[in-house]
Amino acid sequence: MEPFLQHSGIVAPVDRVNVDTDAIIPKQFLKRIERSGFGQFLFYEWRFHENGEVNESFEPNKPRYKGASVLISRANFGCGSSREHAPWAILDYGYKVVIAPSFADIFYNNCFKNGILPIKLSEEQVEELFQRTAGTEGYSLTVDLANKLLTDNAGLSIAFDLDEHRRQFLLQGLDDIGLTLQHEDKISAYEQQRSAKQA
């Protein structure tokens, strides 16, 4: 994974509570074996009508949100089944940051393992972001992970909290495998000793 230090991007809103993983990436698209290619199916049943045409009433489909990389939503984002395809689809579509008042635990953990920063803010703070996003076309936020700070160009400054272990994972661009490989020399030494004892 790439280290996540700071990110600036256009904000797109999904103004719904309890956005579950089947809404994020519907089950019929879980047939791929690689992590890439899921972005085209993100929010599929909301983004498209049954005939395949784009649903222009779905807020993130509007031209003003083209290229957005910060997603805001409501409470309990990522609930439902534990499919890791959900963060894969979010990342593949282009979102680097997801902001909500709360997240389902498994989805929240999976975000860090895939290089996505999920930020928990209060209901009031999230509501303010929705209002700012609606009121300013091309509304953008800057996320400074090193200082745990969220800012915009209009004076907004919000500090957010994050477990230090998870923060370091993102800052260093580590997933579970990367963390293990930091101890590769010790692992190799152990394997050599073990092989010598069995010989």
N, C-alpha and C. Protein backbone atom coordinates (compact mmCIF):
# COMPACT_ATOMS: atom_id res chain seq x y z
N MET A 1 0.84 -1.20 0.00
CA MET A 1 0.00 0.00 0.00
C MET A 1 0.87 1.25 0.00
N GLU A 2 0.32 2.31 -0.56
CA GLU A 2 1.00 3.60 -0.54
C GLU A 2 0.79 4.25 0.83
N PRO A 3 1.83 4.91 1.37
CA PRO A 3 1.62 5.64 2.63
C PRO A 3 0.56 6.72 2.47
N PHE A 4 -0.23 6.92 3.49
CA PHE A 4 -1.28 7.94 3.49
C PHE A 4 -0.84 9.02 4.48
N LEU A 5 -0.45 10.17 3.95
CA LEU A 5 0.00 11.26 4.80
C LEU A 5 -1.02 12.39 4.83
N GLN A 6 -1.37 12.86 3.64
CA GLN A 6 -2.33 13.94 3.50
C GLN A 6 -3.10 13.74 2.20
N HIS A 7 -4.36 14.10 2.22
CA HIS A 7 -5.16 13.97 1.00
C HIS A 7 -6.14 15.13 0.89
N SER A 8 -6.25 15.69 -0.31
CA SER A 8 -7.24 16.72 -0.61
C SER A 8 -8.11 16.23 -1.75
N GLY A 9 -9.42 16.40 -1.62
CA GLY A 9 -10.29 15.95 -2.68
C GLY A 9 -11.70 16.48 -2.58
N ILE A 10 -12.40 16.43 -3.69
CA ILE A 10 -13.81 16.82 -3.75
C ILE A 10 -14.63 15.85 -2.91
N VAL A 11 -15.64 16.38 -2.26
CA VAL A 11 -16.50 15.60 -1.37
C VAL A 11 -17.79 15.23 -2.09
N ALA A 12 -18.17 13.95 -1.98
CA ALA A 12 -19.46 13.49 -2.52
C ALA A 12 -20.30 12.94 -1.37
N PRO A 13 -21.61 13.26 -1.35
CA PRO A 13 -22.47 12.82 -0.27
C PRO A 13 -23.33 11.60 -0.61
N VAL A 14 -23.45 10.69 0.34
CA VAL A 14 -24.46 9.62 0.28
C VAL A 14 -25.27 9.78 1.56
N ASP A 15 -26.36 10.51 1.44
CA ASP A 15 -27.12 10.94 2.63
C ASP A 15 -28.10 9.85 3.07
N ARG A 16 -27.57 8.76 3.58
CA ARG A 16 -28.38 7.63 4.03
C ARG A 16 -27.74 7.01 5.26
N VAL A 17 -28.57 6.54 6.18
CA VAL A 17 -28.06 5.77 7.32
C VAL A 17 -28.05 4.29 6.95
N ASN A 18 -27.25 3.53 7.69
CA ASN A 18 -27.20 2.07 7.53
C ASN A 18 -26.90 1.63 6.09
N VAL A 19 -25.92 2.28 5.47
CA VAL A 19 -25.50 1.86 4.13
C VAL A 19 -24.78 0.53 4.28
N ASP A 20 -25.41 -0.55 3.81
CA ASP A 20 -24.81 -1.87 4.03
C ASP A 20 -23.89 -2.29 2.89
N THR A 21 -23.14 -3.34 3.13
CA THR A 21 -22.14 -3.76 2.15
C THR A 21 -22.77 -4.28 0.86
N ASP A 22 -24.01 -4.76 0.92
CA ASP A 22 -24.66 -5.21 -0.31
C ASP A 22 -25.07 -4.02 -1.17
N ALA A 23 -25.33 -2.88 -0.54
CA ALA A 23 -25.59 -1.65 -1.31
C ALA A 23 -24.27 -1.11 -1.87
N ILE A 24 -23.21 -1.25 -1.11
CA ILE A 24 -21.90 -0.77 -1.57
C ILE A 24 -21.42 -1.58 -2.77
N ILE A 25 -21.49 -2.91 -2.66
CA ILE A 25 -21.11 -3.78 -3.78
C ILE A 25 -22.05 -4.98 -3.79
N PRO A 26 -23.09 -4.96 -4.62
CA PRO A 26 -24.09 -6.04 -4.64
C PRO A 26 -23.46 -7.42 -4.88
N LYS A 27 -24.08 -8.42 -4.28
CA LYS A 27 -23.54 -9.79 -4.26
C LYS A 27 -23.28 -10.38 -5.64
N GLN A 28 -24.04 -9.97 -6.65
CA GLN A 28 -23.87 -10.57 -7.98
C GLN A 28 -22.54 -10.19 -8.63
N PHE A 29 -21.84 -9.21 -8.03
CA PHE A 29 -20.57 -8.77 -8.60
C PHE A 29 -19.35 -9.30 -7.83
N LEU A 30 -19.56 -10.28 -6.99
CA LEU A 30 -18.47 -10.78 -6.15
C LEU A 30 -17.73 -11.96 -6.78
N LYS A 31 -17.82 -12.10 -8.08
CA LYS A 31 -17.24 -13.26 -8.75
C LYS A 31 -15.78 -13.07 -9.13
N ARG A 32 -15.29 -11.85 -9.10
CA ARG A 32 -13.90 -11.59 -9.48
C ARG A 32 -12.97 -12.11 -8.38
N ILE A 33 -11.77 -12.58 -8.78
CA ILE A 33 -10.84 -13.11 -7.78
C ILE A 33 -9.74 -12.10 -7.44
N GLU A 34 -9.60 -11.04 -8.24
CA GLU A 34 -8.62 -10.01 -7.92
C GLU A 34 -9.31 -8.86 -7.20
N ARG A 35 -8.53 -7.97 -6.61
CA ARG A 35 -9.09 -6.86 -5.84
C ARG A 35 -9.56 -5.70 -6.72
N SER A 36 -9.09 -5.64 -7.94
CA SER A 36 -9.40 -4.51 -8.81
C SER A 36 -10.66 -4.78 -9.63
N GLY A 37 -11.22 -3.71 -10.18
CA GLY A 37 -12.35 -3.83 -11.08
C GLY A 37 -13.72 -3.75 -10.44
N PHE A 38 -13.76 -3.56 -9.12
CA PHE A 38 -15.05 -3.52 -8.42
C PHE A 38 -15.66 -2.11 -8.40
N GLY A 39 -14.84 -1.09 -8.69
CA GLY A 39 -15.34 0.28 -8.63
C GLY A 39 -16.52 0.55 -9.54
N GLN A 40 -16.53 -0.09 -10.70
CA GLN A 40 -17.63 0.12 -11.65
C GLN A 40 -18.98 -0.34 -11.11
N PHE A 41 -18.95 -1.18 -10.07
CA PHE A 41 -20.19 -1.71 -9.49
C PHE A 41 -20.55 -1.05 -8.15
N LEU A 42 -19.76 -0.05 -7.74
CA LEU A 42 -20.03 0.62 -6.47
C LEU A 42 -21.41 1.25 -6.47
N PHE A 43 -22.19 1.00 -5.40
CA PHE A 43 -23.55 1.54 -5.27
C PHE A 43 -24.39 1.27 -6.53
N TYR A 44 -24.17 0.12 -7.14
CA TYR A 44 -24.72 -0.17 -8.47
C TYR A 44 -26.23 0.03 -8.54
N GLU A 45 -26.96 -0.47 -7.57
CA GLU A 45 -28.43 -0.40 -7.65
C GLU A 45 -28.96 0.99 -7.34
N TRP A 46 -28.11 1.87 -6.83
CA TRP A 46 -28.47 3.27 -6.63
C TRP A 46 -27.99 4.12 -7.79
N ARG A 47 -26.84 3.78 -8.35
CA ARG A 47 -26.27 4.58 -9.44
C ARG A 47 -26.99 4.37 -10.77
N PHE A 48 -27.60 3.19 -10.92
CA PHE A 48 -28.22 2.87 -12.21
C PHE A 48 -29.67 2.42 -12.03
N HIS A 49 -30.48 2.70 -13.05
CA HIS A 49 -31.84 2.17 -13.11
C HIS A 49 -31.77 0.72 -13.58
N GLU A 50 -32.88 0.02 -13.48
CA GLU A 50 -32.92 -1.39 -13.89
C GLU A 50 -32.57 -1.59 -15.36
N ASN A 51 -32.83 -0.59 -16.18
CA ASN A 51 -32.51 -0.69 -17.61
C ASN A 51 -31.04 -0.34 -17.92
N GLY A 52 -30.28 -0.05 -16.87
CA GLY A 52 -28.86 0.23 -17.05
C GLY A 52 -28.52 1.70 -17.21
N GLU A 53 -29.55 2.55 -17.34
CA GLU A 53 -29.29 3.98 -17.48
C GLU A 53 -28.88 4.59 -16.15
N VAL A 54 -28.06 5.64 -16.22
CA VAL A 54 -27.57 6.32 -15.02
C VAL A 54 -28.73 6.97 -14.28
N ASN A 55 -28.78 6.77 -12.98
CA ASN A 55 -29.80 7.39 -12.14
C ASN A 55 -29.32 8.78 -11.74
N GLU A 56 -29.81 9.78 -12.42
CA GLU A 56 -29.32 11.14 -12.20
C GLU A 56 -29.77 11.73 -10.87
N SER A 57 -30.72 11.08 -10.21
CA SER A 57 -31.17 11.58 -8.92
C SER A 57 -30.28 11.10 -7.77
N PHE A 58 -29.41 10.11 -8.05
CA PHE A 58 -28.46 9.66 -7.03
C PHE A 58 -27.35 10.70 -6.95
N GLU A 59 -27.24 11.34 -5.81
CA GLU A 59 -26.40 12.53 -5.65
C GLU A 59 -24.97 12.40 -6.21
N PRO A 60 -24.23 11.34 -5.87
CA PRO A 60 -22.85 11.28 -6.39
C PRO A 60 -22.75 11.17 -7.92
N ASN A 61 -23.87 10.87 -8.60
CA ASN A 61 -23.85 10.81 -10.06
C ASN A 61 -23.84 12.20 -10.71
N LYS A 62 -24.14 13.23 -9.94
CA LYS A 62 -24.22 14.57 -10.51
C LYS A 62 -22.85 15.06 -10.95
N PRO A 63 -22.77 15.78 -12.06
CA PRO A 63 -21.48 16.23 -12.60
C PRO A 63 -20.60 16.97 -11.59
N ARG A 64 -21.22 17.67 -10.65
CA ARG A 64 -20.44 18.45 -9.69
C ARG A 64 -19.57 17.57 -8.79
N TYR A 65 -19.88 16.27 -8.72
CA TYR A 65 -19.11 15.37 -7.86
C TYR A 65 -18.15 14.48 -8.65
N LYS A 66 -18.00 14.76 -9.94
CA LYS A 66 -17.10 13.96 -10.75
C LYS A 66 -15.67 14.05 -10.20
N GLY A 67 -15.04 12.90 -10.05
CA GLY A 67 -13.67 12.86 -9.55
C GLY A 67 -13.55 12.98 -8.04
N ALA A 68 -14.68 12.91 -7.33
CA ALA A 68 -14.64 13.02 -5.86
C ALA A 68 -13.82 11.88 -5.27
N SER A 69 -13.10 12.19 -4.21
CA SER A 69 -12.29 11.17 -3.54
C SER A 69 -12.54 11.12 -2.04
N VAL A 70 -13.48 11.95 -1.56
CA VAL A 70 -13.89 11.93 -0.16
C VAL A 70 -15.40 11.68 -0.13
N LEU A 71 -15.82 10.68 0.62
CA LEU A 71 -17.23 10.30 0.69
C LEU A 71 -17.75 10.60 2.09
N ILE A 72 -18.90 11.26 2.18
CA ILE A 72 -19.52 11.46 3.48
C ILE A 72 -20.87 10.73 3.50
N SER A 73 -21.18 10.18 4.66
CA SER A 73 -22.44 9.46 4.80
C SER A 73 -22.91 9.54 6.24
N ARG A 74 -23.96 8.80 6.53
CA ARG A 74 -24.56 8.84 7.87
C ARG A 74 -24.15 7.63 8.71
N ALA A 75 -24.82 7.47 9.84
CA ALA A 75 -24.43 6.48 10.85
C ALA A 75 -24.48 5.04 10.34
N ASN A 76 -23.60 4.23 10.90
CA ASN A 76 -23.55 2.78 10.68
C ASN A 76 -23.20 2.43 9.23
N PHE A 77 -22.27 3.17 8.68
CA PHE A 77 -21.84 2.93 7.31
C PHE A 77 -21.08 1.60 7.25
N GLY A 78 -21.37 0.81 6.21
CA GLY A 78 -20.66 -0.46 6.02
C GLY A 78 -21.21 -1.62 6.82
N CYS A 79 -22.46 -1.51 7.26
CA CYS A 79 -23.07 -2.59 8.04
C CYS A 79 -23.42 -3.76 7.10
N GLY A 80 -23.91 -4.85 7.66
CA GLY A 80 -24.29 -6.01 6.85
C GLY A 80 -23.20 -7.05 6.84
N SER A 81 -23.05 -7.75 5.73
CA SER A 81 -22.08 -8.84 5.65
C SER A 81 -20.65 -8.31 5.69
N SER A 82 -19.72 -9.21 5.95
CA SER A 82 -18.34 -8.79 6.21
C SER A 82 -17.47 -8.73 4.96
N ARG A 83 -18.06 -8.71 3.79
CA ARG A 83 -17.29 -8.78 2.54
C ARG A 83 -16.25 -7.68 2.42
N GLU A 84 -15.00 -8.10 2.16
CA GLU A 84 -13.91 -7.15 1.98
C GLU A 84 -14.02 -6.45 0.62
N HIS A 85 -14.89 -6.98 -0.24
CA HIS A 85 -15.10 -6.36 -1.55
C HIS A 85 -15.63 -4.92 -1.41
N ALA A 86 -16.29 -4.62 -0.28
CA ALA A 86 -16.85 -3.28 -0.10
C ALA A 86 -15.76 -2.21 -0.11
N PRO A 87 -14.73 -2.31 0.74
CA PRO A 87 -13.66 -1.31 0.63
C PRO A 87 -12.90 -1.40 -0.69
N TRP A 88 -12.79 -2.60 -1.28
CA TRP A 88 -12.14 -2.71 -2.59
C TRP A 88 -12.88 -1.86 -3.62
N ALA A 89 -14.22 -1.93 -3.60
CA ALA A 89 -15.03 -1.16 -4.56
C ALA A 89 -14.90 0.34 -4.31
N ILE A 90 -14.91 0.73 -3.05
CA ILE A 90 -14.78 2.15 -2.71
C ILE A 90 -13.45 2.71 -3.18
N LEU A 91 -12.38 1.97 -2.91
CA LEU A 91 -11.04 2.42 -3.30
C LEU A 91 -10.88 2.41 -4.82
N ASP A 92 -11.38 1.37 -5.46
CA ASP A 92 -11.25 1.25 -6.91
C ASP A 92 -12.02 2.35 -7.64
N TYR A 93 -13.11 2.81 -7.04
CA TYR A 93 -13.89 3.89 -7.63
C TYR A 93 -13.16 5.23 -7.53
N GLY A 94 -12.31 5.34 -6.50
CA GLY A 94 -11.52 6.56 -6.34
C GLY A 94 -11.62 7.25 -5.00
N TYR A 95 -12.41 6.69 -4.08
CA TYR A 95 -12.53 7.30 -2.76
C TYR A 95 -11.37 6.86 -1.87
N LYS A 96 -10.73 7.84 -1.24
CA LYS A 96 -9.61 7.57 -0.33
C LYS A 96 -10.02 7.75 1.13
N VAL A 97 -11.09 8.53 1.35
CA VAL A 97 -11.54 8.86 2.70
C VAL A 97 -13.05 8.68 2.77
N VAL A 98 -13.52 8.07 3.86
CA VAL A 98 -14.95 7.96 4.11
C VAL A 98 -15.22 8.56 5.50
N ILE A 99 -16.16 9.49 5.55
CA ILE A 99 -16.49 10.19 6.80
C ILE A 99 -17.93 9.88 7.17
N ALA A 100 -18.13 9.46 8.42
CA ALA A 100 -19.47 9.14 8.92
C ALA A 100 -19.46 9.22 10.44
N PRO A 101 -20.64 9.29 11.06
CA PRO A 101 -20.68 9.30 12.53
C PRO A 101 -20.26 7.96 13.14
N SER A 102 -20.51 6.87 12.42
CA SER A 102 -20.13 5.54 12.92
C SER A 102 -20.03 4.57 11.76
N PHE A 103 -19.27 3.50 11.99
CA PHE A 103 -19.05 2.47 10.99
C PHE A 103 -19.28 1.10 11.60
N ALA A 104 -19.67 0.15 10.78
CA ALA A 104 -19.69 -1.24 11.23
C ALA A 104 -18.25 -1.69 11.46
N ASP A 105 -18.01 -2.45 12.51
CA ASP A 105 -16.65 -2.79 12.94
C ASP A 105 -15.82 -3.46 11.85
N ILE A 106 -16.38 -4.49 11.20
CA ILE A 106 -15.59 -5.25 10.23
C ILE A 106 -15.23 -4.37 9.03
N PHE A 107 -16.20 -3.61 8.55
CA PHE A 107 -15.92 -2.69 7.44
C PHE A 107 -14.84 -1.69 7.85
N TYR A 108 -14.96 -1.14 9.03
CA TYR A 108 -14.00 -0.15 9.54
C TYR A 108 -12.59 -0.72 9.54
N ASN A 109 -12.43 -1.93 10.07
CA ASN A 109 -11.11 -2.58 10.09
C ASN A 109 -10.60 -2.86 8.69
N ASN A 110 -11.49 -3.30 7.80
CA ASN A 110 -11.08 -3.60 6.43
C ASN A 110 -10.60 -2.37 5.67
N CYS A 111 -11.13 -1.20 6.02
CA CYS A 111 -10.68 0.03 5.37
C CYS A 111 -9.18 0.24 5.58
N PHE A 112 -8.73 0.09 6.81
CA PHE A 112 -7.31 0.31 7.11
C PHE A 112 -6.43 -0.70 6.38
N LYS A 113 -6.92 -1.91 6.22
CA LYS A 113 -6.14 -2.95 5.55
C LYS A 113 -6.03 -2.71 4.04
N ASN A 114 -6.84 -1.78 3.55
CA ASN A 114 -6.85 -1.51 2.11
C ASN A 114 -6.48 -0.07 1.75
N GLY A 115 -5.97 0.67 2.73
CA GLY A 115 -5.48 2.01 2.45
C GLY A 115 -6.52 3.11 2.41
N ILE A 116 -7.71 2.83 2.96
CA ILE A 116 -8.77 3.84 3.05
C ILE A 116 -8.81 4.39 4.46
N LEU A 117 -8.98 5.69 4.60
CA LEU A 117 -9.10 6.30 5.92
C LEU A 117 -10.56 6.54 6.26
N PRO A 118 -11.12 5.78 7.22
CA PRO A 118 -12.47 6.06 7.69
C PRO A 118 -12.39 7.01 8.90
N ILE A 119 -13.11 8.10 8.85
CA ILE A 119 -13.07 9.10 9.91
C ILE A 119 -14.42 9.18 10.60
N LYS A 120 -14.41 9.03 11.91
CA LYS A 120 -15.64 9.16 12.70
C LYS A 120 -15.73 10.58 13.25
N LEU A 121 -16.84 11.24 12.95
CA LEU A 121 -17.13 12.57 13.49
C LEU A 121 -18.49 12.54 14.15
N SER A 122 -18.81 13.57 14.90
CA SER A 122 -20.13 13.63 15.53
C SER A 122 -21.21 13.86 14.48
N GLU A 123 -22.44 13.55 14.85
CA GLU A 123 -23.57 13.79 13.95
C GLU A 123 -23.61 15.25 13.50
N GLU A 124 -23.33 16.16 14.44
CA GLU A 124 -23.38 17.59 14.13
C GLU A 124 -22.28 17.98 13.15
N GLN A 125 -21.09 17.43 13.33
CA GLN A 125 -19.99 17.74 12.42
C GLN A 125 -20.25 17.19 11.02
N VAL A 126 -20.80 15.98 10.96
CA VAL A 126 -21.13 15.40 9.66
C VAL A 126 -22.23 16.21 8.98
N GLU A 127 -23.21 16.66 9.74
CA GLU A 127 -24.27 17.49 9.17
C GLU A 127 -23.69 18.78 8.59
N GLU A 128 -22.74 19.38 9.28
CA GLU A 128 -22.11 20.60 8.76
C GLU A 128 -21.40 20.31 7.44
N LEU A 129 -20.75 19.16 7.34
CA LEU A 129 -20.08 18.80 6.08
C LEU A 129 -21.09 18.61 4.96
N PHE A 130 -22.24 18.01 5.28
CA PHE A 130 -23.29 17.87 4.27
C PHE A 130 -23.76 19.25 3.79
N GLN A 131 -23.94 20.16 4.72
CA GLN A 131 -24.40 21.50 4.37
C GLN A 131 -23.36 22.24 3.51
N ARG A 132 -22.11 22.13 3.88
CA ARG A 132 -21.05 22.79 3.11
C ARG A 132 -20.92 22.17 1.72
N THR A 133 -21.05 20.85 1.65
CA THR A 133 -20.96 20.16 0.36
C THR A 133 -22.10 20.59 -0.56
N ALA A 134 -23.30 20.69 0.00
CA ALA A 134 -24.47 21.10 -0.80
C ALA A 134 -24.36 22.56 -1.24
N GLY A 135 -23.76 23.39 -0.40
CA GLY A 135 -23.73 24.82 -0.66
C GLY A 135 -22.61 25.31 -1.56
N THR A 136 -21.61 24.46 -1.80
CA THR A 136 -20.45 24.88 -2.59
C THR A 136 -20.12 23.84 -3.64
N GLU A 137 -20.30 24.18 -4.89
CA GLU A 137 -19.95 23.24 -5.95
C GLU A 137 -18.44 23.00 -5.95
N GLY A 138 -18.05 21.76 -6.05
CA GLY A 138 -16.63 21.42 -6.01
C GLY A 138 -16.04 21.51 -4.62
N TYR A 139 -16.92 21.40 -3.61
CA TYR A 139 -16.44 21.51 -2.23
C TYR A 139 -15.38 20.45 -1.95
N SER A 140 -14.28 20.90 -1.36
CA SER A 140 -13.13 20.03 -1.15
C SER A 140 -12.69 20.05 0.31
N LEU A 141 -12.18 18.92 0.77
CA LEU A 141 -11.61 18.81 2.10
C LEU A 141 -10.17 18.35 2.01
N THR A 142 -9.38 18.79 2.98
CA THR A 142 -8.00 18.30 3.11
C THR A 142 -7.90 17.52 4.41
N VAL A 143 -7.40 16.31 4.30
CA VAL A 143 -7.22 15.44 5.47
C VAL A 143 -5.73 15.34 5.75
N ASP A 144 -5.35 15.78 6.93
CA ASP A 144 -3.96 15.70 7.37
C ASP A 144 -3.89 14.60 8.43
N LEU A 145 -3.45 13.42 8.02
CA LEU A 145 -3.43 12.28 8.95
C LEU A 145 -2.35 12.44 10.00
N ALA A 146 -1.24 13.05 9.65
CA ALA A 146 -0.15 13.24 10.61
C ALA A 146 -0.62 14.04 11.82
N ASN A 147 -1.45 15.05 11.57
CA ASN A 147 -1.94 15.90 12.66
C ASN A 147 -3.40 15.64 13.03
N LYS A 148 -4.00 14.62 12.39
CA LYS A 148 -5.39 14.25 12.65
C LYS A 148 -6.31 15.47 12.55
N LEU A 149 -6.24 16.11 11.39
CA LEU A 149 -6.97 17.36 11.18
C LEU A 149 -7.65 17.37 9.83
N LEU A 150 -8.87 17.89 9.83
CA LEU A 150 -9.70 18.00 8.63
C LEU A 150 -9.96 19.47 8.39
N THR A 151 -9.63 19.99 7.19
CA THR A 151 -9.81 21.41 6.91
C THR A 151 -10.41 21.62 5.53
N ASP A 152 -10.98 22.83 5.33
CA ASP A 152 -11.40 23.24 4.00
C ASP A 152 -10.86 24.64 3.72
N ASN A 153 -11.24 25.23 2.59
CA ASN A 153 -10.73 26.55 2.22
C ASN A 153 -11.57 27.68 2.78
N ALA A 154 -12.56 27.34 3.62
CA ALA A 154 -13.46 28.38 4.14
C ALA A 154 -13.39 28.47 5.66
N GLY A 155 -12.27 28.05 6.22
CA GLY A 155 -12.06 28.22 7.66
C GLY A 155 -12.43 27.04 8.53
N LEU A 156 -12.95 25.98 7.95
CA LEU A 156 -13.30 24.81 8.74
C LEU A 156 -12.03 24.11 9.22
N SER A 157 -12.04 23.71 10.48
CA SER A 157 -10.94 22.93 11.05
C SER A 157 -11.50 21.99 12.10
N ILE A 158 -11.43 20.69 11.81
CA ILE A 158 -11.98 19.68 12.72
C ILE A 158 -10.90 18.66 13.05
N ALA A 159 -10.63 18.52 14.33
CA ALA A 159 -9.71 17.48 14.78
C ALA A 159 -10.48 16.16 14.88
N PHE A 160 -9.86 15.08 14.44
CA PHE A 160 -10.51 13.78 14.56
C PHE A 160 -9.60 12.83 15.33
N ASP A 161 -10.22 11.84 15.95
CA ASP A 161 -9.46 10.89 16.75
C ASP A 161 -9.28 9.60 15.97
N LEU A 162 -8.20 8.91 16.25
CA LEU A 162 -7.90 7.67 15.55
C LEU A 162 -6.93 6.87 16.39
N ASP A 163 -7.19 5.57 16.49
CA ASP A 163 -6.29 4.67 17.19
C ASP A 163 -4.88 4.80 16.59
N GLU A 164 -3.89 4.94 17.46
CA GLU A 164 -2.53 5.20 16.98
C GLU A 164 -1.97 4.06 16.14
N HIS A 165 -2.30 2.84 16.52
CA HIS A 165 -1.84 1.67 15.77
C HIS A 165 -2.35 1.73 14.33
N ARG A 166 -3.64 2.03 14.16
CA ARG A 166 -4.22 2.12 12.83
C ARG A 166 -3.66 3.32 12.06
N ARG A 167 -3.45 4.41 12.75
CA ARG A 167 -2.89 5.60 12.11
C ARG A 167 -1.50 5.29 11.53
N GLN A 168 -0.69 4.57 12.30
CA GLN A 168 0.65 4.22 11.84
C GLN A 168 0.60 3.28 10.64
N PHE A 169 -0.37 2.37 10.64
CA PHE A 169 -0.55 1.49 9.48
C PHE A 169 -0.67 2.31 8.20
N LEU A 170 -1.53 3.33 8.24
CA LEU A 170 -1.76 4.14 7.05
C LEU A 170 -0.58 5.05 6.74
N LEU A 171 -0.03 5.68 7.77
CA LEU A 171 1.10 6.58 7.56
C LEU A 171 2.29 5.87 6.90
N GLN A 172 2.48 4.60 7.28
CA GLN A 172 3.61 3.83 6.75
C GLN A 172 3.23 2.98 5.54
N GLY A 173 1.94 2.98 5.19
CA GLY A 173 1.50 2.19 4.04
C GLY A 173 1.59 0.70 4.29
N LEU A 174 1.24 0.28 5.49
CA LEU A 174 1.36 -1.13 5.86
C LEU A 174 0.01 -1.82 5.93
N ASP A 175 -0.05 -3.04 5.42
CA ASP A 175 -1.16 -3.93 5.73
C ASP A 175 -0.60 -5.04 6.63
N ASP A 176 -1.38 -6.08 6.91
CA ASP A 176 -0.91 -7.12 7.82
C ASP A 176 0.34 -7.82 7.28
N ILE A 177 0.38 -8.04 5.97
CA ILE A 177 1.55 -8.69 5.38
C ILE A 177 2.77 -7.79 5.47
N GLY A 178 2.58 -6.51 5.16
CA GLY A 178 3.68 -5.55 5.25
C GLY A 178 4.23 -5.45 6.66
N LEU A 179 3.33 -5.50 7.65
CA LEU A 179 3.77 -5.45 9.04
C LEU A 179 4.62 -6.67 9.38
N THR A 180 4.20 -7.83 8.90
CA THR A 180 4.95 -9.06 9.13
C THR A 180 6.32 -8.99 8.46
N LEU A 181 6.38 -8.45 7.25
CA LEU A 181 7.63 -8.39 6.51
C LEU A 181 8.65 -7.43 7.13
N GLN A 182 8.20 -6.57 8.03
CA GLN A 182 9.15 -5.72 8.75
C GLN A 182 10.07 -6.56 9.63
N HIS A 183 9.64 -7.78 9.95
CA HIS A 183 10.42 -8.69 10.79
C HIS A 183 10.99 -9.84 9.98
N GLU A 184 11.20 -9.59 8.68
CA GLU A 184 11.64 -10.65 7.79
C GLU A 184 12.98 -11.26 8.22
N ASP A 185 13.91 -10.42 8.72
CA ASP A 185 15.21 -10.94 9.15
C ASP A 185 15.07 -11.91 10.32
N LYS A 186 14.20 -11.56 11.27
CA LYS A 186 13.98 -12.44 12.42
C LYS A 186 13.28 -13.74 12.01
N ILE A 187 12.36 -13.61 11.08
CA ILE A 187 11.64 -14.80 10.59
C ILE A 187 12.62 -15.74 9.88
N SER A 188 13.50 -15.16 9.06
CA SER A 188 14.48 -15.96 8.32
C SER A 188 15.45 -16.65 9.28
N ALA A 189 15.89 -15.89 10.31
CA ALA A 189 16.81 -16.47 11.30
C ALA A 189 16.14 -17.63 12.04
N TYR A 190 14.88 -17.47 12.39
CA TYR A 190 14.15 -18.54 13.08
C TYR A 190 14.03 -19.77 12.18
N GLU A 191 13.70 -19.55 10.93
CA GLU A 191 13.55 -20.67 9.99
C GLU A 191 14.87 -21.42 9.80
N GLN A 192 15.97 -20.68 9.76
CA GLN A 192 17.28 -21.31 9.61
C GLN A 192 17.62 -22.16 10.84
N GLN A 193 17.35 -21.60 12.03
CA GLN A 193 17.60 -22.36 13.27
C GLN A 193 16.75 -23.61 13.33
N ARG A 194 15.51 -23.48 12.92
CA ARG A 194 14.57 -24.61 12.95
C ARG A 194 15.03 -25.72 11.99
N SER A 195 15.48 -25.29 10.78
CA SER A 195 15.95 -26.26 9.80
C SER A 195 17.20 -26.98 10.30
N ALA A 196 18.08 -26.22 10.97
CA ALA A 196 19.32 -26.81 11.49
C ALA A 196 19.02 -27.85 12.57
N LYS A 197 18.04 -27.59 13.40
CA LYS A 197 17.67 -28.53 14.48
C LYS A 197 17.05 -29.81 13.92
N GLN A 198 16.33 -29.66 12.80
CA GLN A 198 15.66 -30.84 12.22
C GLN A 198 16.61 -31.68 11.38
N ALA A 199 17.78 -31.11 11.02
CA ALA A 199 18.73 -31.86 10.17
C ALA A 199 19.47 -32.94 10.95
